[in-house]
Amino acid sequence: MSTKAEIYRPSGQPTASSFVQVDIDEVAKQAETKSMEELQLQNIKLLDEKDGRNFYAPEEKSLIRKEEIDTNHGKLHITLHGTEGKPAIITFHDIGQNHISAFQSFLNCTEMAPILQYFTIYHIDAPGQQDQAAQFPETFQYPSMDDLAEAVSDVVAHFKLKSFVGLGIGVGASILCRYGLKYPKLVDGLLLINCFSGKSGWVEWGYEKVLTTVSIF
């Protein structure tokens, strides 16, 4: 029996993404007998024609809205995914990303459907990282990670959140970690990926190079 990776949404939902169904076992068999140049995906079923810019929202209508919040360290763009009043998840992306590039693929997995049903997700985009962001003036001083951690508290206060679970990658993980250390009673838990703000050493650089090369071939 083949293993399939399938992402779908009920028909009629306006907030759907573009999803595909892939026969993983078939792809694995091809990989054993063909080079990368000859490898082709087969048994792919297009499940929706949308471009995937929005997140999957099961059983509810339009649940995605955006807000711009003024903080002491600049304006933050917040994308709410879900209906307010449910337990909160706050996400923060890595440097050079925004919430779409950092979390869209992960949250669009079918396994995440229960999370989207029972939680409200607040995606924080750092200043200037949102889509179609304007250029900063030359006099603009970008906030530090400590400043952005403090700005998270403005988001919590704005939406009147009693507590939340944080999900962060890279710089975003460090920011949420700093917030959690300062306001531990407001954090139910933290899921932090690459939570290290220092420079990579040669060993780490080489390790990442090897992993990247192996994943390609």
C-alpha atoms as a PDB file:
ATOM      1  CA  MET A   1       0.000   0.000   0.000  1.00  0.00           C
ATOM      2  CA  SER A   2       1.441   3.341  -1.001  1.00  0.00           C
ATOM      3  CA  THR A   3       1.900   6.275   1.305  1.00  0.00           C
ATOM      4  CA  LYS A   4       0.348   9.543   0.190  1.00  0.00           C
ATOM      5  CA  ALA A   5       0.971  13.073   1.359  1.00  0.00           C
ATOM      6  CA  GLU A   6      -2.308  14.892   0.909  1.00  0.00           C
ATOM      7  CA  ILE A   7      -3.372  18.403   1.807  1.00  0.00           C
ATOM      8  CA  TYR A   8      -6.904  19.474   1.137  1.00  0.00           C
ATOM      9  CA  ARG A   9      -9.749  21.666   2.273  1.00  0.00           C
ATOM     10  CA  PRO A  10     -13.559  21.407   2.105  1.00  0.00           C
ATOM     11  CA  SER A  11     -15.095  22.875  -1.028  1.00  0.00           C
ATOM     12  CA  GLY A  12     -16.500  26.373  -0.844  1.00  0.00           C
ATOM     13  CA  GLN A  13     -13.930  27.758   1.579  1.00  0.00           C
ATOM     14  CA  PRO A  14     -12.613  31.121   0.324  1.00  0.00           C
ATOM     15  CA  THR A  15      -9.414  31.013   2.379  1.00  0.00           C
ATOM     16  CA  ALA A  16      -7.946  27.880   0.863  1.00  0.00           C
ATOM     17  CA  SER A  17      -4.426  27.388  -0.407  1.00  0.00           C
ATOM     18  CA  SER A  18      -3.036  25.522  -3.380  1.00  0.00           C
ATOM     19  CA  PHE A  19      -2.445  21.922  -2.394  1.00  0.00           C
ATOM     20  CA  VAL A  20      -1.240  18.743  -4.056  1.00  0.00           C
ATOM     21  CA  GLN A  21      -1.405  15.031  -3.375  1.00  0.00           C
ATOM     22  CA  VAL A  22       1.857  13.148  -3.855  1.00  0.00           C
ATOM     23  CA  ASP A  23       2.443   9.399  -3.925  1.00  0.00           C
ATOM     24  CA  ILE A  24       5.553   9.291  -1.731  1.00  0.00           C
ATOM     25  CA  ASP A  25       6.319   5.610  -2.339  1.00  0.00           C
ATOM     26  CA  GLU A  26       6.278   6.140  -6.109  1.00  0.00           C
ATOM     27  CA  VAL A  27       8.711   9.040  -5.809  1.00  0.00           C
ATOM     28  CA  ALA A  28      11.005   6.926  -3.623  1.00  0.00           C
ATOM     29  CA  LYS A  29      11.056   4.130  -6.216  1.00  0.00           C
ATOM     30  CA  GLN A  30      11.988   6.612  -8.918  1.00  0.00           C
ATOM     31  CA  ALA A  31      14.780   8.016  -6.784  1.00  0.00           C
ATOM     32  CA  GLU A  32      16.347   4.547  -6.502  1.00  0.00           C
ATOM     33  CA  THR A  33      16.518   4.015 -10.262  1.00  0.00           C
ATOM     34  CA  LYS A  34      16.904   7.472 -11.763  1.00  0.00           C
ATOM     35  CA  SER A  35      19.261  10.389 -11.465  1.00  0.00           C
ATOM     36  CA  MET A  36      18.015  13.737 -10.207  1.00  0.00           C
ATOM     37  CA  GLU A  37      17.824  15.024 -13.800  1.00  0.00           C
ATOM     38  CA  GLU A  38      15.518  12.151 -14.769  1.00  0.00           C
ATOM     39  CA  LEU A  39      13.415  12.190 -11.621  1.00  0.00           C
ATOM     40  CA  GLN A  40       9.839  13.316 -12.130  1.00  0.00           C
ATOM     41  CA  LEU A  41       6.928  13.519  -9.736  1.00  0.00           C
ATOM     42  CA  GLN A  42       4.021  11.291 -10.692  1.00  0.00           C
ATOM     43  CA  ASN A  43       0.503  10.767  -9.372  1.00  0.00           C
ATOM     44  CA  ILE A  44       0.181  14.412  -8.424  1.00  0.00           C
ATOM     45  CA  LYS A  45      -3.365  15.607  -7.973  1.00  0.00           C
ATOM     46  CA  LEU A  46      -4.084  19.333  -7.908  1.00  0.00           C
ATOM     47  CA  LEU A  47      -6.674  19.900  -5.219  1.00  0.00           C
ATOM     48  CA  ASP A  48      -7.155  23.642  -5.506  1.00  0.00           C
ATOM     49  CA  GLU A  49      -6.311  26.346  -8.001  1.00  0.00           C
ATOM     50  CA  LYS A  50      -5.577  29.142  -5.539  1.00  0.00           C
ATOM     51  CA  ASP A  51      -2.009  30.405  -5.295  1.00  0.00           C
ATOM     52  CA  GLY A  52      -1.419  29.363  -1.696  1.00  0.00           C
ATOM     53  CA  ARG A  53      -0.987  32.838  -0.257  1.00  0.00           C
ATOM     54  CA  ASN A  54      -3.582  32.204   2.426  1.00  0.00           C
ATOM     55  CA  PHE A  55      -3.668  29.569   5.118  1.00  0.00           C
ATOM     56  CA  TYR A  56      -6.017  26.620   5.276  1.00  0.00           C
ATOM     57  CA  ALA A  57      -9.064  27.455   7.406  1.00  0.00           C
ATOM     58  CA  PRO A  58     -11.236  24.366   8.040  1.00  0.00           C
ATOM     59  CA  GLU A  59     -14.987  24.555   8.646  1.00  0.00           C
ATOM     60  CA  GLU A  60     -15.069  28.325   8.987  1.00  0.00           C
ATOM     61  CA  LYS A  61     -15.331  31.176   6.530  1.00  0.00           C
ATOM     62  CA  SER A  62     -12.881  34.032   6.164  1.00  0.00           C
ATOM     63  CA  LEU A  63     -10.751  33.887   9.308  1.00  0.00           C
ATOM     64  CA  ILE A  64      -7.707  35.834   8.226  1.00  0.00           C
ATOM     65  CA  ARG A  65      -7.338  39.530   8.898  1.00  0.00           C
ATOM     66  CA  LYS A  66      -4.438  41.916   9.340  1.00  0.00           C
ATOM     67  CA  GLU A  67      -3.782  44.672  11.853  1.00  0.00           C
ATOM     68  CA  GLU A  68      -1.029  47.238  12.259  1.00  0.00           C
ATOM     69  CA  ILE A  69      -0.060  47.950  15.856  1.00  0.00           C
ATOM     70  CA  ASP A  70       1.941  50.940  17.044  1.00  0.00           C
ATOM     71  CA  THR A  71       4.529  49.988  19.648  1.00  0.00           C
ATOM     72  CA  ASN A  72       7.308  51.884  21.382  1.00  0.00           C
ATOM     73  CA  HIS A  73       9.708  50.278  18.907  1.00  0.00           C
ATOM     74  CA  GLY A  74       7.898  50.804  15.633  1.00  0.00           C
ATOM     75  CA  LYS A  75       4.859  49.393  13.893  1.00  0.00           C
ATOM     76  CA  LEU A  76       4.223  45.667  13.878  1.00  0.00           C
ATOM     77  CA  HIS A  77       2.027  43.976  11.309  1.00  0.00           C
ATOM     78  CA  ILE A  78      -0.091  41.210  12.799  1.00  0.00           C
ATOM     79  CA  THR A  79      -1.970  38.579  10.808  1.00  0.00           C
ATOM     80  CA  LEU A  80      -4.719  36.839  12.765  1.00  0.00           C
ATOM     81  CA  HIS A  81      -5.567  33.327  11.675  1.00  0.00           C
ATOM     82  CA  GLY A  82      -8.737  32.070  13.341  1.00  0.00           C
ATOM     83  CA  THR A  83     -11.497  33.515  15.478  1.00  0.00           C
ATOM     84  CA  GLU A  84     -10.524  35.440  18.592  1.00  0.00           C
ATOM     85  CA  GLY A  85     -11.359  34.071  22.017  1.00  0.00           C
ATOM     86  CA  LYS A  86      -9.596  30.740  21.562  1.00  0.00           C
ATOM     87  CA  PRO A  87      -6.218  29.821  23.123  1.00  0.00           C
ATOM     88  CA  ALA A  88      -3.492  31.856  21.444  1.00  0.00           C
ATOM     89  CA  ILE A  89      -0.385  30.924  19.488  1.00  0.00           C
ATOM     90  CA  ILE A  90       2.052  33.723  18.625  1.00  0.00           C
ATOM     91  CA  THR A  91       4.567  33.146  15.840  1.00  0.00           C
ATOM     92  CA  PHE A  92       7.715  35.102  15.049  1.00  0.00           C
ATOM     93  CA  HIS A  93       9.768  34.497  11.906  1.00  0.00           C
ATOM     94  CA  ASP A  94      13.517  34.476  11.276  1.00  0.00           C
ATOM     95  CA  ILE A  95      15.528  37.292   9.737  1.00  0.00           C
ATOM     96  CA  GLY A  96      14.781  37.820   6.046  1.00  0.00           C
ATOM     97  CA  GLN A  97      11.402  36.110   6.338  1.00  0.00           C
ATOM     98  CA  ASN A  98       7.824  36.961   7.170  1.00  0.00           C
ATOM     99  CA  HIS A  99       5.013  34.809   8.507  1.00  0.00           C
ATOM    100  CA  ILE A 100       4.146  33.481   5.036  1.00  0.00           C
ATOM    101  CA  SER A 101       7.608  32.234   4.109  1.00  0.00           C
ATOM    102  CA  ALA A 102       8.273  30.923   7.616  1.00  0.00           C
ATOM    103  CA  PHE A 103       5.051  29.176   8.604  1.00  0.00           C
ATOM    104  CA  GLN A 104       2.701  28.758   5.638  1.00  0.00           C
ATOM    105  CA  SER A 105       3.864  25.292   4.544  1.00  0.00           C
ATOM    106  CA  PHE A 106       3.867  24.000   8.112  1.00  0.00           C
ATOM    107  CA  LEU A 107       0.405  25.278   8.990  1.00  0.00           C
ATOM    108  CA  ASN A 108      -1.086  24.071   5.716  1.00  0.00           C
ATOM    109  CA  CYS A 109      -0.413  20.419   6.569  1.00  0.00           C
ATOM    110  CA  THR A 110      -3.565  18.419   7.247  1.00  0.00           C
ATOM    111  CA  GLU A 111      -2.122  17.354  10.595  1.00  0.00           C
ATOM    112  CA  MET A 112      -2.346  20.990  11.679  1.00  0.00           C
ATOM    113  CA  ALA A 113      -6.100  21.239  11.030  1.00  0.00           C
ATOM    114  CA  PRO A 114      -7.030  20.589  14.707  1.00  0.00           C
ATOM    115  CA  ILE A 115      -4.642  23.360  15.773  1.00  0.00           C
ATOM    116  CA  LEU A 116      -6.311  25.798  13.419  1.00  0.00           C
ATOM    117  CA  GLN A 117      -9.734  24.786  14.694  1.00  0.00           C
ATOM    118  CA  TYR A 118      -9.035  25.202  18.390  1.00  0.00           C
ATOM    119  CA  PHE A 119      -6.424  27.978  18.512  1.00  0.00           C
ATOM    120  CA  THR A 120      -6.130  31.545  17.282  1.00  0.00           C
ATOM    121  CA  ILE A 121      -2.766  32.201  15.652  1.00  0.00           C
ATOM    122  CA  TYR A 122      -1.218  35.663  15.794  1.00  0.00           C
ATOM    123  CA  HIS A 123       1.574  35.987  13.222  1.00  0.00           C
ATOM    124  CA  ILE A 124       3.959  38.845  13.976  1.00  0.00           C
ATOM    125  CA  ASP A 125       5.894  40.362  11.082  1.00  0.00           C
ATOM    126  CA  ALA A 126       8.925  42.368  12.162  1.00  0.00           C
ATOM    127  CA  PRO A 127       9.068  45.984  10.944  1.00  0.00           C
ATOM    128  CA  GLY A 128       9.597  46.127   7.197  1.00  0.00           C
ATOM    129  CA  GLN A 129       9.225  42.363   6.662  1.00  0.00           C
ATOM    130  CA  GLN A 130       5.556  42.247   5.668  1.00  0.00           C
ATOM    131  CA  ASP A 131       4.544  41.916   2.022  1.00  0.00           C
ATOM    132  CA  GLN A 132       4.837  45.147   0.011  1.00  0.00           C
ATOM    133  CA  ALA A 133       6.580  46.931   2.871  1.00  0.00           C
ATOM    134  CA  ALA A 134       7.762  50.473   2.204  1.00  0.00           C
ATOM    135  CA  GLN A 135      11.413  51.409   2.556  1.00  0.00           C
ATOM    136  CA  PHE A 136      12.517  52.833   5.879  1.00  0.00           C
ATOM    137  CA  PRO A 137      13.728  56.438   6.012  1.00  0.00           C
ATOM    138  CA  GLU A 138      17.476  56.873   6.340  1.00  0.00           C
ATOM    139  CA  THR A 139      17.068  58.044   9.934  1.00  0.00           C
ATOM    140  CA  PHE A 140      15.188  54.905  10.995  1.00  0.00           C
ATOM    141  CA  GLN A 141      16.926  52.883  13.703  1.00  0.00           C
ATOM    142  CA  TYR A 142      15.928  49.251  13.590  1.00  0.00           C
ATOM    143  CA  PRO A 143      14.880  47.829  16.973  1.00  0.00           C
ATOM    144  CA  SER A 144      17.106  45.320  18.730  1.00  0.00           C
ATOM    145  CA  MET A 145      15.941  41.823  19.675  1.00  0.00           C
ATOM    146  CA  ASP A 146      15.299  43.053  23.215  1.00  0.00           C
ATOM    147  CA  ASP A 147      13.211  45.887  21.770  1.00  0.00           C
ATOM    148  CA  LEU A 148      11.217  43.455  19.637  1.00  0.00           C
ATOM    149  CA  ALA A 149      10.717  41.190  22.648  1.00  0.00           C
ATOM    150  CA  GLU A 150       9.238  44.161  24.468  1.00  0.00           C
ATOM    151  CA  ALA A 151       7.095  44.928  21.422  1.00  0.00           C
ATOM    152  CA  VAL A 152       5.590  41.445  21.750  1.00  0.00           C
ATOM    153  CA  SER A 153       4.155  42.590  25.075  1.00  0.00           C
ATOM    154  CA  ASP A 154       2.372  45.401  23.207  1.00  0.00           C
ATOM    155  CA  VAL A 155       0.799  42.776  20.940  1.00  0.00           C
ATOM    156  CA  VAL A 156      -0.296  40.727  23.960  1.00  0.00           C
ATOM    157  CA  ALA A 157      -1.806  43.808  25.582  1.00  0.00           C
ATOM    158  CA  HIS A 158      -3.505  44.965  22.370  1.00  0.00           C
ATOM    159  CA  PHE A 159      -5.358  41.686  21.925  1.00  0.00           C
ATOM    160  CA  LYS A 160      -5.877  41.248  25.685  1.00  0.00           C
ATOM    161  CA  LEU A 161      -4.242  37.831  25.726  1.00  0.00           C
ATOM    162  CA  LYS A 162      -3.990  36.178  29.133  1.00  0.00           C
ATOM    163  CA  SER A 163      -1.290  33.773  27.935  1.00  0.00           C
ATOM    164  CA  PHE A 164      -0.037  32.159  24.748  1.00  0.00           C
ATOM    165  CA  VAL A 165       2.155  29.478  23.207  1.00  0.00           C
ATOM    166  CA  GLY A 166       5.074  30.895  21.225  1.00  0.00           C
ATOM    167  CA  LEU A 167       6.433  29.448  17.970  1.00  0.00           C
ATOM    168  CA  GLY A 168       9.640  31.031  16.708  1.00  0.00           C
ATOM    169  CA  ILE A 169      12.416  30.370  14.200  1.00  0.00           C
ATOM    170  CA  GLY A 170      15.941  31.781  14.401  1.00  0.00           C
ATOM    171  CA  VAL A 171      15.805  35.425  15.436  1.00  0.00           C
ATOM    172  CA  GLY A 172      12.092  35.023  16.119  1.00  0.00           C
ATOM    173  CA  ALA A 173      12.875  32.161  18.498  1.00  0.00           C
ATOM    174  CA  SER A 174      15.398  34.325  20.344  1.00  0.00           C
ATOM    175  CA  ILE A 175      12.880  37.173  20.602  1.00  0.00           C
ATOM    176  CA  LEU A 176      10.179  34.924  22.058  1.00  0.00           C
ATOM    177  CA  CYS A 177      12.721  33.365  24.426  1.00  0.00           C
ATOM    178  CA  ARG A 178      13.679  36.808  25.717  1.00  0.00           C
ATOM    179  CA  TYR A 179      10.011  37.641  26.172  1.00  0.00           C
ATOM    180  CA  GLY A 180       9.411  34.392  28.054  1.00  0.00           C
ATOM    181  CA  LEU A 181      12.301  35.059  30.418  1.00  0.00           C
ATOM    182  CA  LYS A 182      10.904  38.491  31.222  1.00  0.00           C
ATOM    183  CA  TYR A 183       7.210  37.540  31.392  1.00  0.00           C
ATOM    184  CA  PRO A 184       7.118  33.828  32.307  1.00  0.00           C
ATOM    185  CA  LYS A 185       3.568  33.937  33.692  1.00  0.00           C
ATOM    186  CA  LEU A 186       2.195  34.990  30.295  1.00  0.00           C
ATOM    187  CA  VAL A 187       3.783  32.097  28.402  1.00  0.00           C
ATOM    188  CA  ASP A 188       2.200  28.635  28.405  1.00  0.00           C
ATOM    189  CA  GLY A 189       5.020  27.173  26.346  1.00  0.00           C
ATOM    190  CA  LEU A 190       7.613  27.920  23.680  1.00  0.00           C
ATOM    191  CA  LEU A 191       8.512  25.986  20.530  1.00  0.00           C
ATOM    192  CA  LEU A 192      11.878  27.407  19.492  1.00  0.00           C
ATOM    193  CA  ILE A 193      13.855  26.406  16.395  1.00  0.00           C
ATOM    194  CA  ASN A 194      17.505  27.491  16.042  1.00  0.00           C
ATOM    195  CA  CYS A 195      17.249  29.705  19.096  1.00  0.00           C
ATOM    196  CA  PHE A 196      20.796  31.046  18.927  1.00  0.00           C
ATOM    197  CA  SER A 197      21.646  34.649  18.160  1.00  0.00           C
ATOM    198  CA  GLY A 198      25.415  34.351  17.840  1.00  0.00           C
ATOM    199  CA  LYS A 199      27.517  33.832  14.727  1.00  0.00           C
ATOM    200  CA  SER A 200      27.956  30.328  13.335  1.00  0.00           C
ATOM    201  CA  GLY A 201      31.342  28.704  13.845  1.00  0.00           C
ATOM    202  CA  TRP A 202      33.202  26.795  11.135  1.00  0.00           C
ATOM    203  CA  VAL A 203      31.976  23.451  12.467  1.00  0.00           C
ATOM    204  CA  GLU A 204      28.341  24.532  12.342  1.00  0.00           C
ATOM    205  CA  TRP A 205      28.830  26.082   8.905  1.00  0.00           C
ATOM    206  CA  GLY A 206      30.364  22.863   7.577  1.00  0.00           C
ATOM    207  CA  TYR A 207      27.633  20.750   9.153  1.00  0.00           C
ATOM    208  CA  GLU A 208      24.926  22.807   7.449  1.00  0.00           C
ATOM    209  CA  LYS A 209      26.795  22.557   4.134  1.00  0.00           C
ATOM    210  CA  VAL A 210      26.927  18.762   4.384  1.00  0.00           C
ATOM    211  CA  LEU A 211      23.240  18.514   5.266  1.00  0.00           C
ATOM    212  CA  THR A 212      22.287  20.784   2.375  1.00  0.00           C
ATOM    213  CA  THR A 213      24.355  18.766  -0.093  1.00  0.00           C
ATOM    214  CA  VAL A 214      22.933  15.448   1.130  1.00  0.00           C
ATOM    215  CA  SER A 215      19.360  16.754   0.939  1.00  0.00           C
ATOM    216  CA  ILE A 216      19.905  17.777  -2.697  1.00  0.00           C
ATOM    217  CA  PHE A 217      21.225  14.386  -3.796  1.00  0.00           C
END
